[in-house]
Amino acid sequence: MSKAQSISINTIIIAAIALAVLVVLFAIFTGRLGGFTKGVQETDTCAQKCASLNLPNPADLTQFECQQKNSGTFIAGKFSDSPTNGCCCSK
């Protein structure tokens, strides 16, 4: 009787991971990943963040102003519709 030779499961998993890493590296070095991140940044708005939290009236306030004047929720980040670093959603 002869033994059948086959590729082990470990070899297949390692090959799949290596292929995924190569695809990501190819995307990074060819500049194709920039289009994806630009698209994500353009859709990230203060109004959308406030709406997702069910909070109306987004305002362009600093974190201190948001806590003192508005008693709102401050969301840190850079948004396309807010010139400051973050936005404030009123309660």
PDB file of N, CA and C in Angstrom:
ATOM      1  N   MET A   1       0.842  -1.174   0.000  1.00  0.00           N
ATOM      2  CA  MET A   1       0.000   0.000   0.000  1.00  0.00           C
ATOM      3  C   MET A   1       0.888   1.239   0.000  1.00  0.00           C
ATOM      4  N   SER A   2       0.482   2.202  -0.752  1.00  0.00           N
ATOM      5  CA  SER A   2       1.237   3.455  -0.785  1.00  0.00           C
ATOM      6  C   SER A   2       0.434   4.557  -0.114  1.00  0.00           C
ATOM      7  N   LYS A   3       1.137   5.466   0.516  1.00  0.00           N
ATOM      8  CA  LYS A   3       0.479   6.579   1.190  1.00  0.00           C
ATOM      9  C   LYS A   3       0.182   7.681   0.188  1.00  0.00           C
ATOM     10  N   ALA A   4      -0.977   8.254   0.306  1.00  0.00           N
ATOM     11  CA  ALA A   4      -1.331   9.390  -0.550  1.00  0.00           C
ATOM     12  C   ALA A   4      -0.690  10.637   0.039  1.00  0.00           C
ATOM     13  N   GLN A   5      -0.141  11.453  -0.822  1.00  0.00           N
ATOM     14  CA  GLN A   5       0.478  12.688  -0.342  1.00  0.00           C
ATOM     15  C   GLN A   5      -0.448  13.844  -0.660  1.00  0.00           C
ATOM     16  N   SER A   6      -0.638  14.703   0.330  1.00  0.00           N
ATOM     17  CA  SER A   6      -1.513  15.854   0.126  1.00  0.00           C
ATOM     18  C   SER A   6      -0.946  17.058   0.872  1.00  0.00           C
ATOM     19  N   ILE A   7      -1.509  18.201   0.567  1.00  0.00           N
ATOM     20  CA  ILE A   7      -1.105  19.435   1.248  1.00  0.00           C
ATOM     21  C   ILE A   7      -1.853  19.513   2.571  1.00  0.00           C
ATOM     22  N   SER A   8      -1.143  19.805   3.628  1.00  0.00           N
ATOM     23  CA  SER A   8      -1.794  19.880   4.936  1.00  0.00           C
ATOM     24  C   SER A   8      -2.623  21.162   5.052  1.00  0.00           C
ATOM     25  N   ILE A   9      -3.540  21.150   5.984  1.00  0.00           N
ATOM     26  CA  ILE A   9      -4.403  22.316   6.237  1.00  0.00           C
ATOM     27  C   ILE A   9      -3.564  23.516   6.657  1.00  0.00           C
ATOM     28  N   ASN A  10      -2.528  23.288   7.463  1.00  0.00           N
ATOM     29  CA  ASN A  10      -1.660  24.383   7.911  1.00  0.00           C
ATOM     30  C   ASN A  10      -0.999  25.086   6.726  1.00  0.00           C
ATOM     31  N   THR A  11      -0.564  24.325   5.749  1.00  0.00           N
ATOM     32  CA  THR A  11       0.069  24.915   4.568  1.00  0.00           C
ATOM     33  C   THR A  11      -0.922  25.769   3.789  1.00  0.00           C
ATOM     34  N   ILE A  12      -2.152  25.302   3.665  1.00  0.00           N
ATOM     35  CA  ILE A  12      -3.187  26.068   2.952  1.00  0.00           C
ATOM     36  C   ILE A  12      -3.503  27.364   3.684  1.00  0.00           C
ATOM     37  N   ILE A  13      -3.616  27.316   5.002  1.00  0.00           N
ATOM     38  CA  ILE A  13      -3.916  28.521   5.794  1.00  0.00           C
ATOM     39  C   ILE A  13      -2.777  29.533   5.686  1.00  0.00           C
ATOM     40  N   ILE A  14      -1.541  29.061   5.794  1.00  0.00           N
ATOM     41  CA  ILE A  14      -0.387  29.963   5.695  1.00  0.00           C
ATOM     42  C   ILE A  14      -0.328  30.600   4.310  1.00  0.00           C
ATOM     43  N   ALA A  15      -0.621  29.842   3.273  1.00  0.00           N
ATOM     44  CA  ALA A  15      -0.620  30.382   1.911  1.00  0.00           C
ATOM     45  C   ALA A  15      -1.711  31.442   1.740  1.00  0.00           C
ATOM     46  N   ALA A  16      -2.887  31.227   2.315  1.00  0.00           N
ATOM     47  CA  ALA A  16      -3.978  32.193   2.216  1.00  0.00           C
ATOM     48  C   ALA A  16      -3.632  33.495   2.938  1.00  0.00           C
ATOM     49  N   ILE A  17      -3.024  33.392   4.113  1.00  0.00           N
ATOM     50  CA  ILE A  17      -2.613  34.591   4.855  1.00  0.00           C
ATOM     51  C   ILE A  17      -1.534  35.345   4.089  1.00  0.00           C
ATOM     52  N   ALA A  18      -0.585  34.627   3.539  1.00  0.00           N
ATOM     53  CA  ALA A  18       0.482  35.271   2.767  1.00  0.00           C
ATOM     54  C   ALA A  18      -0.090  35.983   1.544  1.00  0.00           C
ATOM     55  N   LEU A  19      -1.053  35.389   0.887  1.00  0.00           N
ATOM     56  CA  LEU A  19      -1.682  36.024  -0.276  1.00  0.00           C
ATOM     57  C   LEU A  19      -2.420  37.297   0.127  1.00  0.00           C
ATOM     58  N   ALA A  20      -3.117  37.273   1.256  1.00  0.00           N
ATOM     59  CA  ALA A  20      -3.824  38.464   1.734  1.00  0.00           C
ATOM     60  C   ALA A  20      -2.844  39.590   2.051  1.00  0.00           C
ATOM     61  N   VAL A  21      -1.729  39.256   2.680  1.00  0.00           N
ATOM     62  CA  VAL A  21      -0.705  40.258   3.001  1.00  0.00           C
ATOM     63  C   VAL A  21      -0.132  40.856   1.717  1.00  0.00           C
ATOM     64  N   LEU A  22       0.115  40.028   0.727  1.00  0.00           N
ATOM     65  CA  LEU A  22       0.638  40.536  -0.550  1.00  0.00           C
ATOM     66  C   LEU A  22      -0.336  41.478  -1.236  1.00  0.00           C
ATOM     67  N   VAL A  23      -1.617  41.174  -1.177  1.00  0.00           N
ATOM     68  CA  VAL A  23      -2.626  42.052  -1.783  1.00  0.00           C
ATOM     69  C   VAL A  23      -2.652  43.400  -1.078  1.00  0.00           C
ATOM     70  N   VAL A  24      -2.595  43.405   0.243  1.00  0.00           N
ATOM     71  CA  VAL A  24      -2.599  44.664   0.997  1.00  0.00           C
ATOM     72  C   VAL A  24      -1.335  45.462   0.698  1.00  0.00           C
ATOM     73  N   LEU A  25      -0.191  44.822   0.675  1.00  0.00           N
ATOM     74  CA  LEU A  25       1.053  45.525   0.357  1.00  0.00           C
ATOM     75  C   LEU A  25       1.023  46.094  -1.057  1.00  0.00           C
ATOM     76  N   PHE A  26       0.470  45.356  -1.999  1.00  0.00           N
ATOM     77  CA  PHE A  26       0.351  45.843  -3.373  1.00  0.00           C
ATOM     78  C   PHE A  26      -0.522  47.098  -3.419  1.00  0.00           C
ATOM     79  N   ALA A  27      -1.637  47.067  -2.690  1.00  0.00           N
ATOM     80  CA  ALA A  27      -2.543  48.228  -2.664  1.00  0.00           C
ATOM     81  C   ALA A  27      -1.873  49.440  -2.038  1.00  0.00           C
ATOM     82  N   ILE A  28      -1.088  49.234  -1.000  1.00  0.00           N
ATOM     83  CA  ILE A  28      -0.415  50.352  -0.329  1.00  0.00           C
ATOM     84  C   ILE A  28       0.654  50.961  -1.236  1.00  0.00           C
ATOM     85  N   PHE A  29       1.483  50.121  -1.825  1.00  0.00           N
ATOM     86  CA  PHE A  29       2.600  50.635  -2.601  1.00  0.00           C
ATOM     87  C   PHE A  29       2.219  51.158  -3.976  1.00  0.00           C
ATOM     88  N   THR A  30       1.080  50.781  -4.500  1.00  0.00           N
ATOM     89  CA  THR A  30       0.654  51.318  -5.792  1.00  0.00           C
ATOM     90  C   THR A  30      -0.237  52.540  -5.630  1.00  0.00           C
ATOM     91  N   GLY A  31      -0.584  52.881  -4.404  1.00  0.00           N
ATOM     92  CA  GLY A  31      -1.390  54.072  -4.161  1.00  0.00           C
ATOM     93  C   GLY A  31      -2.877  53.850  -4.335  1.00  0.00           C
ATOM     94  N   ARG A  32      -3.305  52.648  -4.481  1.00  0.00           N
ATOM     95  CA  ARG A  32      -4.728  52.368  -4.683  1.00  0.00           C
ATOM     96  C   ARG A  32      -5.517  52.487  -3.383  1.00  0.00           C
ATOM     97  N   LEU A  33      -4.850  52.426  -2.273  1.00  0.00           N
ATOM     98  CA  LEU A  33      -5.529  52.510  -0.988  1.00  0.00           C
ATOM     99  C   LEU A  33      -5.959  53.943  -0.688  1.00  0.00           C
ATOM    100  N   GLY A  34      -5.296  54.923  -1.289  1.00  0.00           N
ATOM    101  CA  GLY A  34      -5.631  56.323  -1.053  1.00  0.00           C
ATOM    102  C   GLY A  34      -7.033  56.682  -1.479  1.00  0.00           C
ATOM    103  N   GLY A  35      -7.518  56.099  -2.552  1.00  0.00           N
ATOM    104  CA  GLY A  35      -8.877  56.364  -3.014  1.00  0.00           C
ATOM    105  C   GLY A  35      -9.919  55.902  -2.017  1.00  0.00           C
ATOM    106  N   PHE A  36      -9.650  54.788  -1.369  1.00  0.00           N
ATOM    107  CA  PHE A  36     -10.585  54.269  -0.370  1.00  0.00           C
ATOM    108  C   PHE A  36     -10.647  55.189   0.848  1.00  0.00           C
ATOM    109  N   THR A  37      -9.487  55.585   1.369  1.00  0.00           N
ATOM    110  CA  THR A  37      -9.482  56.423   2.564  1.00  0.00           C
ATOM    111  C   THR A  37     -10.052  57.805   2.270  1.00  0.00           C
ATOM    112  N   LYS A  38      -9.841  58.321   1.067  1.00  0.00           N
ATOM    113  CA  LYS A  38     -10.405  59.616   0.713  1.00  0.00           C
ATOM    114  C   LYS A  38     -11.925  59.546   0.691  1.00  0.00           C
ATOM    115  N   GLY A  39     -12.454  58.471   0.163  1.00  0.00           N
ATOM    116  CA  GLY A  39     -13.904  58.298   0.128  1.00  0.00           C
ATOM    117  C   GLY A  39     -14.506  58.193   1.507  1.00  0.00           C
ATOM    118  N   VAL A  40     -13.827  57.544   2.416  1.00  0.00           N
ATOM    119  CA  VAL A  40     -14.319  57.416   3.782  1.00  0.00           C
ATOM    120  C   VAL A  40     -14.281  58.772   4.482  1.00  0.00           C
ATOM    121  N   GLN A  41     -13.217  59.543   4.286  1.00  0.00           N
ATOM    122  CA  GLN A  41     -13.088  60.840   4.937  1.00  0.00           C
ATOM    123  C   GLN A  41     -14.147  61.814   4.442  1.00  0.00           C
ATOM    124  N   GLU A  42     -14.510  61.758   3.168  1.00  0.00           N
ATOM    125  CA  GLU A  42     -15.497  62.689   2.620  1.00  0.00           C
ATOM    126  C   GLU A  42     -16.886  62.434   3.179  1.00  0.00           C
ATOM    127  N   THR A  43     -17.186  61.216   3.567  1.00  0.00           N
ATOM    128  CA  THR A  43     -18.520  60.911   4.060  1.00  0.00           C
ATOM    129  C   THR A  43     -18.639  61.034   5.573  1.00  0.00           C
ATOM    130  N   ASP A  44     -17.551  61.320   6.246  1.00  0.00           N
ATOM    131  CA  ASP A  44     -17.561  61.423   7.700  1.00  0.00           C
ATOM    132  C   ASP A  44     -17.911  62.854   8.096  1.00  0.00           C
ATOM    133  N   THR A  45     -19.181  63.085   8.428  1.00  0.00           N
ATOM    134  CA  THR A  45     -19.617  64.434   8.787  1.00  0.00           C
ATOM    135  C   THR A  45     -20.130  64.461  10.221  1.00  0.00           C
ATOM    136  N   CYS A  46     -20.094  65.650  10.787  1.00  0.00           N
ATOM    137  CA  CYS A  46     -20.588  65.852  12.144  1.00  0.00           C
ATOM    138  C   CYS A  46     -22.092  65.572  12.208  1.00  0.00           C
ATOM    139  N   ALA A  47     -22.818  66.007  11.190  1.00  0.00           N
ATOM    140  CA  ALA A  47     -24.272  65.785  11.165  1.00  0.00           C
ATOM    141  C   ALA A  47     -24.609  64.298  11.174  1.00  0.00           C
ATOM    142  N   GLN A  48     -23.829  63.494  10.450  1.00  0.00           N
ATOM    143  CA  GLN A  48     -24.070  62.049  10.437  1.00  0.00           C
ATOM    144  C   GLN A  48     -23.773  61.429  11.796  1.00  0.00           C
ATOM    145  N   LYS A  49     -22.716  61.885  12.454  1.00  0.00           N
ATOM    146  CA  LYS A  49     -22.379  61.342  13.767  1.00  0.00           C
ATOM    147  C   LYS A  49     -23.470  61.658  14.780  1.00  0.00           C
ATOM    148  N   CYS A  50     -23.956  62.896  14.755  1.00  0.00           N
ATOM    149  CA  CYS A  50     -25.023  63.278  15.688  1.00  0.00           C
ATOM    150  C   CYS A  50     -26.300  62.492  15.404  1.00  0.00           C
ATOM    151  N   ALA A  51     -26.622  62.319  14.131  1.00  0.00           N
ATOM    152  CA  ALA A  51     -27.820  61.565  13.767  1.00  0.00           C
ATOM    153  C   ALA A  51     -27.712  60.112  14.207  1.00  0.00           C
ATOM    154  N   SER A  52     -26.517  59.529  14.111  1.00  0.00           N
ATOM    155  CA  SER A  52     -26.345  58.133  14.523  1.00  0.00           C
ATOM    156  C   SER A  52     -26.505  57.970  16.028  1.00  0.00           C
ATOM    157  N   LEU A  53     -26.276  59.040  16.790  1.00  0.00           N
ATOM    158  CA  LEU A  53     -26.465  59.010  18.242  1.00  0.00           C
ATOM    159  C   LEU A  53     -27.851  59.491  18.653  1.00  0.00           C
ATOM    160  N   ASN A  54     -28.707  59.761  17.666  1.00  0.00           N
ATOM    161  CA  ASN A  54     -30.057  60.305  17.895  1.00  0.00           C
ATOM    162  C   ASN A  54     -30.017  61.631  18.646  1.00  0.00           C
ATOM    163  N   LEU A  55     -29.033  62.458  18.327  1.00  0.00           N
ATOM    164  CA  LEU A  55     -28.893  63.779  18.925  1.00  0.00           C
ATOM    165  C   LEU A  55     -29.045  64.831  17.821  1.00  0.00           C
ATOM    166  N   PRO A  56     -29.963  65.757  17.971  1.00  0.00           N
ATOM    167  CA  PRO A  56     -30.161  66.775  16.932  1.00  0.00           C
ATOM    168  C   PRO A  56     -29.163  67.921  17.073  1.00  0.00           C
ATOM    169  N   ASN A  57     -29.224  68.819  16.127  1.00  0.00           N
ATOM    170  CA  ASN A  57     -28.507  70.098  16.151  1.00  0.00           C
ATOM    171  C   ASN A  57     -27.003  69.985  16.360  1.00  0.00           C
ATOM    172  N   PRO A  58     -26.265  69.536  15.359  1.00  0.00           N
ATOM    173  CA  PRO A  58     -24.809  69.575  15.504  1.00  0.00           C
ATOM    174  C   PRO A  58     -24.321  71.013  15.508  1.00  0.00           C
ATOM    175  N   ALA A  59     -23.342  71.284  16.332  1.00  0.00           N
ATOM    176  CA  ALA A  59     -22.790  72.630  16.435  1.00  0.00           C
ATOM    177  C   ALA A  59     -21.276  72.572  16.350  1.00  0.00           C
ATOM    178  N   ASP A  60     -20.688  73.630  15.815  1.00  0.00           N
ATOM    179  CA  ASP A  60     -19.233  73.712  15.685  1.00  0.00           C
ATOM    180  C   ASP A  60     -18.674  74.415  16.914  1.00  0.00           C
ATOM    181  N   LEU A  61     -18.513  73.662  18.001  1.00  0.00           N
ATOM    182  CA  LEU A  61     -18.010  74.202  19.260  1.00  0.00           C
ATOM    183  C   LEU A  61     -16.790  73.393  19.692  1.00  0.00           C
ATOM    184  N   THR A  62     -15.942  74.015  20.489  1.00  0.00           N
ATOM    185  CA  THR A  62     -14.826  73.270  21.070  1.00  0.00           C
ATOM    186  C   THR A  62     -15.373  72.375  22.177  1.00  0.00           C
ATOM    187  N   GLN A  63     -14.537  71.498  22.681  1.00  0.00           N
ATOM    188  CA  GLN A  63     -14.980  70.587  23.736  1.00  0.00           C
ATOM    189  C   GLN A  63     -15.394  71.364  24.983  1.00  0.00           C
ATOM    190  N   PHE A  64     -14.643  72.397  25.343  1.00  0.00           N
ATOM    191  CA  PHE A  64     -14.976  73.201  26.519  1.00  0.00           C
ATOM    192  C   PHE A  64     -16.314  73.922  26.320  1.00  0.00           C
ATOM    193  N   GLU A  65     -16.494  74.537  25.151  1.00  0.00           N
ATOM    194  CA  GLU A  65     -17.742  75.245  24.870  1.00  0.00           C
ATOM    195  C   GLU A  65     -18.930  74.291  24.865  1.00  0.00           C
ATOM    196  N   CYS A  66     -18.707  73.108  24.351  1.00  0.00           N
ATOM    197  CA  CYS A  66     -19.778  72.113  24.285  1.00  0.00           C
ATOM    198  C   CYS A  66     -20.239  71.729  25.687  1.00  0.00           C
ATOM    199  N   GLN A  67     -19.300  71.528  26.581  1.00  0.00           N
ATOM    200  CA  GLN A  67     -19.645  71.117  27.937  1.00  0.00           C
ATOM    201  C   GLN A  67     -20.232  72.267  28.746  1.00  0.00           C
ATOM    202  N   GLN A  68     -19.738  73.492  28.541  1.00  0.00           N
ATOM    203  CA  GLN A  68     -20.189  74.620  29.345  1.00  0.00           C
ATOM    204  C   GLN A  68     -21.500  75.218  28.846  1.00  0.00           C
ATOM    205  N   LYS A  69     -21.553  75.557  27.579  1.00  0.00           N
ATOM    206  CA  LYS A  69     -22.703  76.284  27.044  1.00  0.00           C
ATOM    207  C   LYS A  69     -23.848  75.369  26.628  1.00  0.00           C
ATOM    208  N   ASN A  70     -23.509  74.261  26.024  1.00  0.00           N
ATOM    209  CA  ASN A  70     -24.510  73.470  25.344  1.00  0.00           C
ATOM    210  C   ASN A  70     -24.951  72.244  26.124  1.00  0.00           C
ATOM    211  N   SER A  71     -24.169  71.836  27.093  1.00  0.00           N
ATOM    212  CA  SER A  71     -24.409  70.590  27.827  1.00  0.00           C
ATOM    213  C   SER A  71     -24.629  69.435  26.858  1.00  0.00           C
ATOM    214  N   GLY A  72     -23.842  69.419  25.817  1.00  0.00           N
ATOM    215  CA  GLY A  72     -24.013  68.415  24.781  1.00  0.00           C
ATOM    216  C   GLY A  72     -22.969  67.322  24.839  1.00  0.00           C
ATOM    217  N   THR A  73     -22.958  66.527  23.813  1.00  0.00           N
ATOM    218  CA  THR A  73     -22.004  65.441  23.677  1.00  0.00           C
ATOM    219  C   THR A  73     -20.953  65.850  22.665  1.00  0.00           C
ATOM    220  N   PHE A  74     -19.690  65.856  23.081  1.00  0.00           N
ATOM    221  CA  PHE A  74     -18.600  66.231  22.191  1.00  0.00           C
ATOM    222  C   PHE A  74     -18.049  64.984  21.521  1.00  0.00           C
ATOM    223  N   ILE A  75     -17.896  65.042  20.201  1.00  0.00           N
ATOM    224  CA  ILE A  75     -17.345  63.928  19.434  1.00  0.00           C
ATOM    225  C   ILE A  75     -16.019  64.384  18.848  1.00  0.00           C
ATOM    226  N   ALA A  76     -14.941  63.782  19.293  1.00  0.00           N
ATOM    227  CA  ALA A  76     -13.617  64.151  18.808  1.00  0.00           C
ATOM    228  C   ALA A  76     -13.407  63.585  17.409  1.00  0.00           C
ATOM    229  N   GLY A  77     -12.644  64.318  16.607  1.00  0.00           N
ATOM    230  CA  GLY A  77     -12.339  63.852  15.257  1.00  0.00           C
ATOM    231  C   GLY A  77     -12.304  65.000  14.283  1.00  0.00           C
ATOM    232  N   LYS A  78     -11.998  64.707  13.033  1.00  0.00           N
ATOM    233  CA  LYS A  78     -11.968  65.708  11.991  1.00  0.00           C
ATOM    234  C   LYS A  78     -13.099  65.398  11.023  1.00  0.00           C
ATOM    235  N   PHE A  79     -14.000  66.335  10.876  1.00  0.00           N
ATOM    236  CA  PHE A  79     -15.182  66.136  10.053  1.00  0.00           C
ATOM    237  C   PHE A  79     -15.193  67.139   8.910  1.00  0.00           C
ATOM    238  N   SER A  80     -15.745  66.734   7.776  1.00  0.00           N
ATOM    239  CA  SER A  80     -15.729  67.591   6.595  1.00  0.00           C
ATOM    240  C   SER A  80     -16.624  68.820   6.749  1.00  0.00           C
ATOM    241  N   ASP A  81     -17.614  68.777   7.626  1.00  0.00           N
ATOM    242  CA  ASP A  81     -18.500  69.927   7.804  1.00  0.00           C
ATOM    243  C   ASP A  81     -18.205  70.723   9.076  1.00  0.00           C
ATOM    244  N   SER A  82     -17.054  70.486   9.696  1.00  0.00           N
ATOM    245  CA  SER A  82     -16.679  71.193  10.919  1.00  0.00           C
ATOM    246  C   SER A  82     -15.217  71.616  10.821  1.00  0.00           C
ATOM    247  N   PRO A  83     -14.933  72.921  10.859  1.00  0.00           N
ATOM    248  CA  PRO A  83     -13.545  73.369  10.736  1.00  0.00           C
ATOM    249  C   PRO A  83     -12.693  73.091  11.974  1.00  0.00           C
ATOM    250  N   THR A  84     -13.319  72.898  13.123  1.00  0.00           N
ATOM    251  CA  THR A  84     -12.541  72.602  14.333  1.00  0.00           C
ATOM    252  C   THR A  84     -12.291  71.101  14.415  1.00  0.00           C
ATOM    253  N   ASN A  85     -11.503  70.702  15.388  1.00  0.00           N
ATOM    254  CA  ASN A  85     -11.258  69.271  15.593  1.00  0.00           C
ATOM    255  C   ASN A  85     -12.319  68.696  16.501  1.00  0.00           C
ATOM    256  N   GLY A  86     -13.419  68.323  15.928  1.00  0.00           N
ATOM    257  CA  GLY A  86     -14.522  67.733  16.673  1.00  0.00           C
ATOM    258  C   GLY A  86     -15.811  68.473  16.421  1.00  0.00           C
ATOM    259  N   CYS A  87     -16.883  67.945  16.970  1.00  0.00           N
ATOM    260  CA  CYS A  87     -18.172  68.614  16.861  1.00  0.00           C
ATOM    261  C   CYS A  87     -18.970  68.334  18.122  1.00  0.00           C
ATOM    262  N   CYS A  88     -20.005  69.111  18.298  1.00  0.00           N
ATOM    263  CA  CYS A  88     -20.828  69.027  19.498  1.00  0.00           C
ATOM    264  C   CYS A  88     -22.269  68.772  19.101  1.00  0.00           C
ATOM    265  N   CYS A  89     -22.879  67.754  19.701  1.00  0.00           N
ATOM    266  CA  CYS A  89     -24.283  67.450  19.461  1.00  0.00           C
ATOM    267  C   CYS A  89     -25.077  67.842  20.703  1.00  0.00           C
ATOM    268  N   SER A  90     -26.073  68.688  20.511  1.00  0.00           N
ATOM    269  CA  SER A  90     -26.862  69.117  21.669  1.00  0.00           C
ATOM    270  C   SER A  90     -27.816  68.003  22.083  1.00  0.00           C
ATOM    271  N   LYS A  91     -28.248  68.094  23.328  1.00  0.00           N
ATOM    272  CA  LYS A  91     -29.174  67.088  23.862  1.00  0.00           C
ATOM    273  C   LYS A  91     -30.596  67.492  23.610  1.00  0.00           C
TER     274      LYS A  91
END
